[in-house]
Amino acid sequence: VEKVWKNGCQLIFFPNGTWKKIGSDGKTVTITFFN
């Protein structure tokens, strides 16, 4: 599942529980793994 906010921030949720956040600058990326 991918969610995009008006400010450009993106959140991507993966089925295994991992999720990825891409900041509004498009360069700051945080990945939180299922473990």
PDB file of all heavy atoms in Angstrom:
ATOM      1  N   VAL A   1       0.863  -1.184   0.000  1.00  0.00           N
ATOM      2  CA  VAL A   1       0.000   0.000   0.000  1.00  0.00           C
ATOM      3  C   VAL A   1       0.899   1.233   0.000  1.00  0.00           C
ATOM      4  O   VAL A   1       1.814   1.356   0.809  1.00  0.00           O
ATOM      5  CB  VAL A   1      -0.934   0.029   1.233  1.00  0.00           C
ATOM      6  CG1 VAL A   1      -1.746   1.306   1.271  1.00  0.00           C
ATOM      7  CG2 VAL A   1      -1.842  -1.192   1.236  1.00  0.00           C
ATOM      8  N   GLU A   2       0.601   2.182  -0.910  1.00  0.00           N
ATOM      9  CA  GLU A   2       1.382   3.411  -1.003  1.00  0.00           C
ATOM     10  C   GLU A   2       0.468   4.602  -0.742  1.00  0.00           C
ATOM     11  O   GLU A   2      -0.613   4.703  -1.316  1.00  0.00           O
ATOM     12  CB  GLU A   2       1.998   3.534  -2.395  1.00  0.00           C
ATOM     13  CG  GLU A   2       2.860   4.761  -2.573  1.00  0.00           C
ATOM     14  CD  GLU A   2       3.489   4.844  -3.964  1.00  0.00           C
ATOM     15  OE1 GLU A   2       3.223   3.970  -4.807  1.00  0.00           O
ATOM     16  OE2 GLU A   2       4.233   5.802  -4.201  1.00  0.00           O
ATOM     17  N   LYS A   3       0.942   5.478   0.166  1.00  0.00           N
ATOM     18  CA  LYS A   3       0.197   6.697   0.452  1.00  0.00           C
ATOM     19  C   LYS A   3       1.103   7.886   0.134  1.00  0.00           C
ATOM     20  O   LYS A   3       2.266   7.908   0.522  1.00  0.00           O
ATOM     21  CB  LYS A   3      -0.215   6.761   1.930  1.00  0.00           C
ATOM     22  CG  LYS A   3      -1.192   5.677   2.334  1.00  0.00           C
ATOM     23  CD  LYS A   3      -1.563   5.800   3.803  1.00  0.00           C
ATOM     24  CE  LYS A   3      -2.539   4.678   4.178  1.00  0.00           C
ATOM     25  NZ  LYS A   3      -2.996   4.811   5.554  1.00  0.00           N
ATOM     26  N   VAL A   4       0.534   8.873  -0.565  1.00  0.00           N
ATOM     27  CA  VAL A   4       1.283  10.076  -0.920  1.00  0.00           C
ATOM     28  C   VAL A   4       0.528  11.280  -0.372  1.00  0.00           C
ATOM     29  O   VAL A   4      -0.666  11.432  -0.599  1.00  0.00           O
ATOM     30  CB  VAL A   4       1.451  10.194  -2.455  1.00  0.00           C
ATOM     31  CG1 VAL A   4       2.218  11.466  -2.814  1.00  0.00           C
ATOM     32  CG2 VAL A   4       2.150   8.959  -3.028  1.00  0.00           C
ATOM     33  N   TRP A   5       1.248  12.135   0.381  1.00  0.00           N
ATOM     34  CA  TRP A   5       0.653  13.339   0.946  1.00  0.00           C
ATOM     35  C   TRP A   5       0.895  14.527   0.030  1.00  0.00           C
ATOM     36  O   TRP A   5       1.769  14.489  -0.842  1.00  0.00           O
ATOM     37  CB  TRP A   5       1.272  13.624   2.324  1.00  0.00           C
ATOM     38  CG  TRP A   5       0.641  12.808   3.415  1.00  0.00           C
ATOM     39  CD1 TRP A   5      -0.316  13.214   4.267  1.00  0.00           C
ATOM     40  CD2 TRP A   5       0.919  11.449   3.766  1.00  0.00           C
ATOM     41  NE1 TRP A   5      -0.663  12.201   5.130  1.00  0.00           N
ATOM     42  CE2 TRP A   5       0.080  11.102   4.841  1.00  0.00           C
ATOM     43  CE3 TRP A   5       1.776  10.477   3.252  1.00  0.00           C
ATOM     44  CZ2 TRP A   5       0.092   9.842   5.428  1.00  0.00           C
ATOM     45  CZ3 TRP A   5       1.787   9.228   3.835  1.00  0.00           C
ATOM     46  CH2 TRP A   5       0.943   8.924   4.915  1.00  0.00           C
ATOM     47  N   LYS A   6       0.111  15.566   0.241  1.00  0.00           N
ATOM     48  CA  LYS A   6       0.234  16.768  -0.586  1.00  0.00           C
ATOM     49  C   LYS A   6       1.626  17.394  -0.509  1.00  0.00           C
ATOM     50  O   LYS A   6       2.106  17.974  -1.470  1.00  0.00           O
ATOM     51  CB  LYS A   6      -0.823  17.811  -0.192  1.00  0.00           C
ATOM     52  CG  LYS A   6      -2.172  17.557  -0.789  1.00  0.00           C
ATOM     53  CD  LYS A   6      -3.084  18.742  -0.577  1.00  0.00           C
ATOM     54  CE  LYS A   6      -4.392  18.524  -1.355  1.00  0.00           C
ATOM     55  NZ  LYS A   6      -5.299  19.644  -1.180  1.00  0.00           N
ATOM     56  N   ASN A   7       2.301  17.269   0.651  1.00  0.00           N
ATOM     57  CA  ASN A   7       3.639  17.858   0.796  1.00  0.00           C
ATOM     58  C   ASN A   7       4.725  17.031   0.099  1.00  0.00           C
ATOM     59  O   ASN A   7       5.898  17.382   0.126  1.00  0.00           O
ATOM     60  CB  ASN A   7       3.996  18.052   2.277  1.00  0.00           C
ATOM     61  CG  ASN A   7       4.203  16.742   3.021  1.00  0.00           C
ATOM     62  OD1 ASN A   7       4.084  15.650   2.473  1.00  0.00           O
ATOM     63  ND2 ASN A   7       4.504  16.855   4.309  1.00  0.00           N
ATOM     64  N   GLY A   8       4.351  15.896  -0.505  1.00  0.00           N
ATOM     65  CA  GLY A   8       5.297  15.064  -1.236  1.00  0.00           C
ATOM     66  C   GLY A   8       5.802  13.867  -0.460  1.00  0.00           C
ATOM     67  O   GLY A   8       6.462  12.992  -1.016  1.00  0.00           O
ATOM     68  N   CYS A   9       5.522  13.801   0.809  1.00  0.00           N
ATOM     69  CA  CYS A   9       5.939  12.680   1.649  1.00  0.00           C
ATOM     70  C   CYS A   9       5.207  11.411   1.196  1.00  0.00           C
ATOM     71  O   CYS A   9       4.023  11.467   0.841  1.00  0.00           O
ATOM     72  CB  CYS A   9       5.612  12.989   3.111  1.00  0.00           C
ATOM     73  SG  CYS A   9       6.163  11.734   4.267  1.00  0.00           S
ATOM     74  N   GLN A  10       5.937  10.280   1.184  1.00  0.00           N
ATOM     75  CA  GLN A  10       5.335   9.009   0.774  1.00  0.00           C
ATOM     76  C   GLN A  10       5.540   7.964   1.855  1.00  0.00           C
ATOM     77  O   GLN A  10       6.593   7.921   2.485  1.00  0.00           O
ATOM     78  CB  GLN A  10       6.000   8.473  -0.492  1.00  0.00           C
ATOM     79  CG  GLN A  10       5.877   9.349  -1.712  1.00  0.00           C
ATOM     80  CD  GLN A  10       6.668   8.730  -2.862  1.00  0.00           C
ATOM     81  OE1 GLN A  10       6.493   7.559  -3.182  1.00  0.00           O
ATOM     82  NE2 GLN A  10       7.536   9.517  -3.464  1.00  0.00           N
ATOM     83  N   LEU A  11       4.540   7.131   2.044  1.00  0.00           N
ATOM     84  CA  LEU A  11       4.651   5.975   2.930  1.00  0.00           C
ATOM     85  C   LEU A  11       4.266   4.749   2.129  1.00  0.00           C
ATOM     86  O   LEU A  11       3.234   4.734   1.449  1.00  0.00           O
ATOM     87  CB  LEU A  11       3.713   6.107   4.128  1.00  0.00           C
ATOM     88  CG  LEU A  11       4.244   6.805   5.370  1.00  0.00           C
ATOM     89  CD1 LEU A  11       3.154   6.892   6.426  1.00  0.00           C
ATOM     90  CD2 LEU A  11       5.454   6.103   5.930  1.00  0.00           C
ATOM     91  N   ILE A  12       5.119   3.718   2.203  1.00  0.00           N
ATOM     92  CA  ILE A  12       4.837   2.469   1.504  1.00  0.00           C
ATOM     93  C   ILE A  12       4.828   1.356   2.555  1.00  0.00           C
ATOM     94  O   ILE A  12       5.800   1.185   3.289  1.00  0.00           O
ATOM     95  CB  ILE A  12       5.890   2.180   0.417  1.00  0.00           C
ATOM     96  CG1 ILE A  12       5.962   3.356  -0.570  1.00  0.00           C
ATOM     97  CG2 ILE A  12       5.576   0.880  -0.311  1.00  0.00           C
ATOM     98  CD1 ILE A  12       7.187   3.343  -1.452  1.00  0.00           C
ATOM     99  N   PHE A  13       3.719   0.650   2.652  1.00  0.00           N
ATOM    100  CA  PHE A  13       3.571  -0.449   3.601  1.00  0.00           C
ATOM    101  C   PHE A  13       3.653  -1.767   2.848  1.00  0.00           C
ATOM    102  O   PHE A  13       2.959  -1.958   1.847  1.00  0.00           O
ATOM    103  CB  PHE A  13       2.208  -0.350   4.325  1.00  0.00           C
ATOM    104  CG  PHE A  13       2.063   0.912   5.125  1.00  0.00           C
ATOM    105  CD1 PHE A  13       1.491   2.045   4.559  1.00  0.00           C
ATOM    106  CD2 PHE A  13       2.501   0.976   6.434  1.00  0.00           C
ATOM    107  CE1 PHE A  13       1.357   3.219   5.289  1.00  0.00           C
ATOM    108  CE2 PHE A  13       2.372   2.141   7.168  1.00  0.00           C
ATOM    109  CZ  PHE A  13       1.795   3.271   6.601  1.00  0.00           C
ATOM    110  N   PHE A  14       4.494  -2.665   3.322  1.00  0.00           N
ATOM    111  CA  PHE A  14       4.678  -3.967   2.682  1.00  0.00           C
ATOM    112  C   PHE A  14       3.942  -5.030   3.485  1.00  0.00           C
ATOM    113  O   PHE A  14       3.762  -4.892   4.708  1.00  0.00           O
ATOM    114  CB  PHE A  14       6.165  -4.301   2.583  1.00  0.00           C
ATOM    115  CG  PHE A  14       6.929  -3.332   1.721  1.00  0.00           C
ATOM    116  CD1 PHE A  14       7.514  -2.199   2.267  1.00  0.00           C
ATOM    117  CD2 PHE A  14       7.048  -3.542   0.351  1.00  0.00           C
ATOM    118  CE1 PHE A  14       8.215  -1.290   1.485  1.00  0.00           C
ATOM    119  CE2 PHE A  14       7.734  -2.640  -0.446  1.00  0.00           C
ATOM    120  CZ  PHE A  14       8.327  -1.514   0.115  1.00  0.00           C
ATOM    121  N   PRO A  15       3.522  -6.101   2.852  1.00  0.00           N
ATOM    122  CA  PRO A  15       2.731  -7.140   3.525  1.00  0.00           C
ATOM    123  C   PRO A  15       3.444  -7.794   4.721  1.00  0.00           C
ATOM    124  O   PRO A  15       2.793  -8.249   5.657  1.00  0.00           O
ATOM    125  CB  PRO A  15       2.469  -8.179   2.440  1.00  0.00           C
ATOM    126  CG  PRO A  15       2.724  -7.493   1.146  1.00  0.00           C
ATOM    127  CD  PRO A  15       3.667  -6.369   1.423  1.00  0.00           C
ATOM    128  N   ASN A  16       4.770  -7.814   4.717  1.00  0.00           N
ATOM    129  CA  ASN A  16       5.500  -8.485   5.805  1.00  0.00           C
ATOM    130  C   ASN A  16       5.649  -7.598   7.057  1.00  0.00           C
ATOM    131  O   ASN A  16       6.267  -7.996   8.030  1.00  0.00           O
ATOM    132  CB  ASN A  16       6.866  -8.958   5.339  1.00  0.00           C
ATOM    133  CG  ASN A  16       7.825  -7.809   5.031  1.00  0.00           C
ATOM    134  OD1 ASN A  16       7.465  -6.630   5.080  1.00  0.00           O
ATOM    135  ND2 ASN A  16       9.050  -8.166   4.690  1.00  0.00           N
ATOM    136  N   GLY A  17       5.106  -6.367   7.017  1.00  0.00           N
ATOM    137  CA  GLY A  17       5.185  -5.475   8.160  1.00  0.00           C
ATOM    138  C   GLY A  17       6.250  -4.391   8.028  1.00  0.00           C
ATOM    139  O   GLY A  17       6.315  -3.472   8.838  1.00  0.00           O
ATOM    140  N   THR A  18       7.078  -4.509   7.013  1.00  0.00           N
ATOM    141  CA  THR A  18       8.082  -3.472   6.760  1.00  0.00           C
ATOM    142  C   THR A  18       7.399  -2.272   6.137  1.00  0.00           C
ATOM    143  O   THR A  18       6.446  -2.421   5.374  1.00  0.00           O
ATOM    144  CB  THR A  18       9.168  -4.014   5.796  1.00  0.00           C
ATOM    145  OG1 THR A  18       9.850  -5.095   6.447  1.00  0.00           O
ATOM    146  CG2 THR A  18      10.167  -2.950   5.400  1.00  0.00           C
ATOM    147  N   TRP A  19       7.885  -1.057   6.473  1.00  0.00           N
ATOM    148  CA  TRP A  19       7.361   0.130   5.813  1.00  0.00           C
ATOM    149  C   TRP A  19       8.484   1.099   5.506  1.00  0.00           C
ATOM    150  O   TRP A  19       9.523   1.114   6.152  1.00  0.00           O
ATOM    151  CB  TRP A  19       6.226   0.773   6.598  1.00  0.00           C
ATOM    152  CG  TRP A  19       6.516   1.143   8.019  1.00  0.00           C
ATOM    153  CD1 TRP A  19       6.480   0.330   9.103  1.00  0.00           C
ATOM    154  CD2 TRP A  19       6.867   2.440   8.511  1.00  0.00           C
ATOM    155  NE1 TRP A  19       6.781   1.031  10.233  1.00  0.00           N
ATOM    156  CE2 TRP A  19       7.025   2.325   9.904  1.00  0.00           C
ATOM    157  CE3 TRP A  19       7.041   3.683   7.909  1.00  0.00           C
ATOM    158  CZ2 TRP A  19       7.375   3.407  10.706  1.00  0.00           C
ATOM    159  CZ3 TRP A  19       7.386   4.763   8.714  1.00  0.00           C
ATOM    160  CH2 TRP A  19       7.551   4.615  10.090  1.00  0.00           C
ATOM    161  N   LYS A  20       8.257   1.882   4.467  1.00  0.00           N
ATOM    162  CA  LYS A  20       9.271   2.810   3.967  1.00  0.00           C
ATOM    163  C   LYS A  20       8.655   4.201   3.887  1.00  0.00           C
ATOM    164  O   LYS A  20       7.561   4.373   3.362  1.00  0.00           O
ATOM    165  CB  LYS A  20       9.712   2.353   2.575  1.00  0.00           C
ATOM    166  CG  LYS A  20      10.738   3.226   1.894  1.00  0.00           C
ATOM    167  CD  LYS A  20      11.100   2.601   0.537  1.00  0.00           C
ATOM    168  CE  LYS A  20      12.196   3.321  -0.166  1.00  0.00           C
ATOM    169  NZ  LYS A  20      12.560   2.660  -1.435  1.00  0.00           N
ATOM    170  N   LYS A  21       9.400   5.184   4.451  1.00  0.00           N
ATOM    171  CA  LYS A  21       8.934   6.569   4.397  1.00  0.00           C
ATOM    172  C   LYS A  21       9.939   7.368   3.582  1.00  0.00           C
ATOM    173  O   LYS A  21      11.139   7.342   3.859  1.00  0.00           O
ATOM    174  CB  LYS A  21       8.823   7.157   5.809  1.00  0.00           C
ATOM    175  CG  LYS A  21       8.398   8.613   5.824  1.00  0.00           C
ATOM    176  CD  LYS A  21       8.365   9.155   7.239  1.00  0.00           C
ATOM    177  CE  LYS A  21       7.981  10.632   7.223  1.00  0.00           C
ATOM    178  NZ  LYS A  21       8.023  11.201   8.574  1.00  0.00           N
ATOM    179  N   ILE A  22       9.443   8.072   2.591  1.00  0.00           N
ATOM    180  CA  ILE A  22      10.275   8.953   1.776  1.00  0.00           C
ATOM    181  C   ILE A  22       9.839  10.377   2.111  1.00  0.00           C
ATOM    182  O   ILE A  22       8.666  10.728   1.954  1.00  0.00           O
ATOM    183  CB  ILE A  22      10.115   8.668   0.273  1.00  0.00           C
ATOM    184  CG1 ILE A  22      10.471   7.205  -0.024  1.00  0.00           C
ATOM    185  CG2 ILE A  22      10.970   9.620  -0.556  1.00  0.00           C
ATOM    186  CD1 ILE A  22      10.111   6.725  -1.410  1.00  0.00           C
ATOM    187  N   GLY A  23      10.789  11.161   2.616  1.00  0.00           N
ATOM    188  CA  GLY A  23      10.481  12.523   3.048  1.00  0.00           C
ATOM    189  C   GLY A  23      10.052  13.399   1.893  1.00  0.00           C
ATOM    190  O   GLY A  23      10.262  13.078   0.718  1.00  0.00           O
ATOM    191  N   SER A  24       9.467  14.541   2.216  1.00  0.00           N
ATOM    192  CA  SER A  24       8.980  15.469   1.188  1.00  0.00           C
ATOM    193  C   SER A  24      10.114  15.993   0.315  1.00  0.00           C
ATOM    194  O   SER A  24       9.879  16.423  -0.799  1.00  0.00           O
ATOM    195  CB  SER A  24       8.211  16.619   1.841  1.00  0.00           C
ATOM    196  OG  SER A  24       9.031  17.266   2.780  1.00  0.00           O
ATOM    197  N   ASP A  25      11.369  15.911   0.814  1.00  0.00           N
ATOM    198  CA  ASP A  25      12.513  16.335  -0.005  1.00  0.00           C
ATOM    199  C   ASP A  25      12.883  15.289  -1.050  1.00  0.00           C
ATOM    200  O   ASP A  25      13.695  15.541  -1.934  1.00  0.00           O
ATOM    201  CB  ASP A  25      13.727  16.653   0.870  1.00  0.00           C
ATOM    202  CG  ASP A  25      14.224  15.453   1.669  1.00  0.00           C
ATOM    203  OD1 ASP A  25      13.684  14.334   1.514  1.00  0.00           O
ATOM    204  OD2 ASP A  25      15.171  15.640   2.466  1.00  0.00           O
ATOM    205  N   GLY A  26      12.302  14.095  -0.933  1.00  0.00           N
ATOM    206  CA  GLY A  26      12.583  13.019  -1.878  1.00  0.00           C
ATOM    207  C   GLY A  26      13.923  12.348  -1.638  1.00  0.00           C
ATOM    208  O   GLY A  26      14.277  11.396  -2.328  1.00  0.00           O
ATOM    209  N   LYS A  27      14.702  12.826  -0.677  1.00  0.00           N
ATOM    210  CA  LYS A  27      16.045  12.302  -0.433  1.00  0.00           C
ATOM    211  C   LYS A  27      16.204  11.635   0.928  1.00  0.00           C
ATOM    212  O   LYS A  27      17.104  10.842   1.122  1.00  0.00           O
ATOM    213  CB  LYS A  27      17.071  13.434  -0.541  1.00  0.00           C
ATOM    214  CG  LYS A  27      17.151  14.050  -1.922  1.00  0.00           C
ATOM    215  CD  LYS A  27      18.147  15.187  -1.949  1.00  0.00           C
ATOM    216  CE  LYS A  27      18.196  15.801  -3.341  1.00  0.00           C
ATOM    217  NZ  LYS A  27      19.098  16.948  -3.382  1.00  0.00           N
ATOM    218  N   THR A  28      15.351  11.967   1.868  1.00  0.00           N
ATOM    219  CA  THR A  28      15.419  11.362   3.198  1.00  0.00           C
ATOM    220  C   THR A  28      14.521  10.134   3.195  1.00  0.00           C
ATOM    221  O   THR A  28      13.316  10.243   2.958  1.00  0.00           O
ATOM    222  CB  THR A  28      14.964  12.351   4.286  1.00  0.00           C
ATOM    223  OG1 THR A  28      15.768  13.524   4.194  1.00  0.00           O
ATOM    224  CG2 THR A  28      15.092  11.745   5.674  1.00  0.00           C
ATOM    225  N   VAL A  29      15.131   8.962   3.427  1.00  0.00           N
ATOM    226  CA  VAL A  29      14.392   7.705   3.366  1.00  0.00           C
ATOM    227  C   VAL A  29      14.584   6.953   4.681  1.00  0.00           C
ATOM    228  O   VAL A  29      15.705   6.816   5.161  1.00  0.00           O
ATOM    229  CB  VAL A  29      14.884   6.823   2.189  1.00  0.00           C
ATOM    230  CG1 VAL A  29      14.142   5.497   2.152  1.00  0.00           C
ATOM    231  CG2 VAL A  29      14.736   7.559   0.869  1.00  0.00           C
ATOM    232  N   THR A  30      13.490   6.494   5.252  1.00  0.00           N
ATOM    233  CA  THR A  30      13.539   5.679   6.467  1.00  0.00           C
ATOM    234  C   THR A  30      12.793   4.389   6.188  1.00  0.00           C
ATOM    235  O   THR A  30      11.644   4.416   5.750  1.00  0.00           O
ATOM    236  CB  THR A  30      12.884   6.412   7.658  1.00  0.00           C
ATOM    237  OG1 THR A  30      13.540   7.666   7.841  1.00  0.00           O
ATOM    238  CG2 THR A  30      12.995   5.596   8.933  1.00  0.00           C
ATOM    239  N   ILE A  31      13.471   3.269   6.446  1.00  0.00           N
ATOM    240  CA  ILE A  31      12.836   1.961   6.273  1.00  0.00           C
ATOM    241  C   ILE A  31      12.788   1.302   7.643  1.00  0.00           C
ATOM    242  O   ILE A  31      13.817   1.137   8.299  1.00  0.00           O
ATOM    243  CB  ILE A  31      13.627   1.071   5.283  1.00  0.00           C
ATOM    244  CG1 ILE A  31      13.767   1.774   3.931  1.00  0.00           C
ATOM    245  CG2 ILE A  31      12.951  -0.286   5.130  1.00  0.00           C
ATOM    246  CD1 ILE A  31      14.777   1.134   3.003  1.00  0.00           C
ATOM    247  N   THR A  32      11.600   0.944   8.083  1.00  0.00           N
ATOM    248  CA  THR A  32      11.422   0.248   9.350  1.00  0.00           C
ATOM    249  C   THR A  32      11.047  -1.191   9.017  1.00  0.00           C
ATOM    250  O   THR A  32       9.999  -1.438   8.422  1.00  0.00           O
ATOM    251  CB  THR A  32      10.333   0.923  10.206  1.00  0.00           C
ATOM    252  OG1 THR A  32      10.700   2.295  10.404  1.00  0.00           O
ATOM    253  CG2 THR A  32      10.197   0.240  11.556  1.00  0.00           C
ATOM    254  N   PHE A  33      11.945  -2.114   9.369  1.00  0.00           N
ATOM    255  CA  PHE A  33      11.757  -3.519   9.017  1.00  0.00           C
ATOM    256  C   PHE A  33      10.865  -4.226  10.029  1.00  0.00           C
ATOM    257  O   PHE A  33      10.723  -3.782  11.167  1.00  0.00           O
ATOM    258  CB  PHE A  33      13.114  -4.224   8.914  1.00  0.00           C
ATOM    259  CG  PHE A  33      13.979  -3.680   7.809  1.00  0.00           C
ATOM    260  CD1 PHE A  33      14.906  -2.679   8.067  1.00  0.00           C
ATOM    261  CD2 PHE A  33      13.851  -4.154   6.513  1.00  0.00           C
ATOM    262  CE1 PHE A  33      15.708  -2.171   7.051  1.00  0.00           C
ATOM    263  CE2 PHE A  33      14.640  -3.641   5.493  1.00  0.00           C
ATOM    264  CZ  PHE A  33      15.571  -2.645   5.762  1.00  0.00           C
ATOM    265  N   PHE A  34      10.298  -5.332   9.607  1.00  0.00           N
ATOM    266  CA  PHE A  34       9.369  -6.099  10.436  1.00  0.00           C
ATOM    267  C   PHE A  34      10.006  -6.583  11.734  1.00  0.00           C
ATOM    268  O   PHE A  34       9.332  -6.794  12.723  1.00  0.00           O
ATOM    269  CB  PHE A  34       8.800  -7.297   9.651  1.00  0.00           C
ATOM    270  CG  PHE A  34       9.843  -8.299   9.240  1.00  0.00           C
ATOM    271  CD1 PHE A  34      10.159  -9.367  10.055  1.00  0.00           C
ATOM    272  CD2 PHE A  34      10.529  -8.156   8.040  1.00  0.00           C
ATOM    273  CE1 PHE A  34      11.125 -10.283   9.684  1.00  0.00           C
ATOM    274  CE2 PHE A  34      11.496  -9.067   7.660  1.00  0.00           C
ATOM    275  CZ  PHE A  34      11.795 -10.131   8.489  1.00  0.00           C
ATOM    276  N   ASN A  35      11.353  -6.732  11.757  1.00  0.00           N
ATOM    277  CA  ASN A  35      12.037  -7.224  12.955  1.00  0.00           C
ATOM    278  C   ASN A  35      12.450  -6.093  13.910  1.00  0.00           C
ATOM    279  O   ASN A  35      13.102  -6.321  14.920  1.00  0.00           O
ATOM    280  CB  ASN A  35      13.263  -8.046  12.579  1.00  0.00           C
ATOM    281  CG  ASN A  35      14.323  -7.227  11.852  1.00  0.00           C
ATOM    282  OD1 ASN A  35      14.131  -6.045  11.571  1.00  0.00           O
ATOM    283  ND2 ASN A  35      15.433  -7.867  11.542  1.00  0.00           N
TER     284      ASN A  35
END
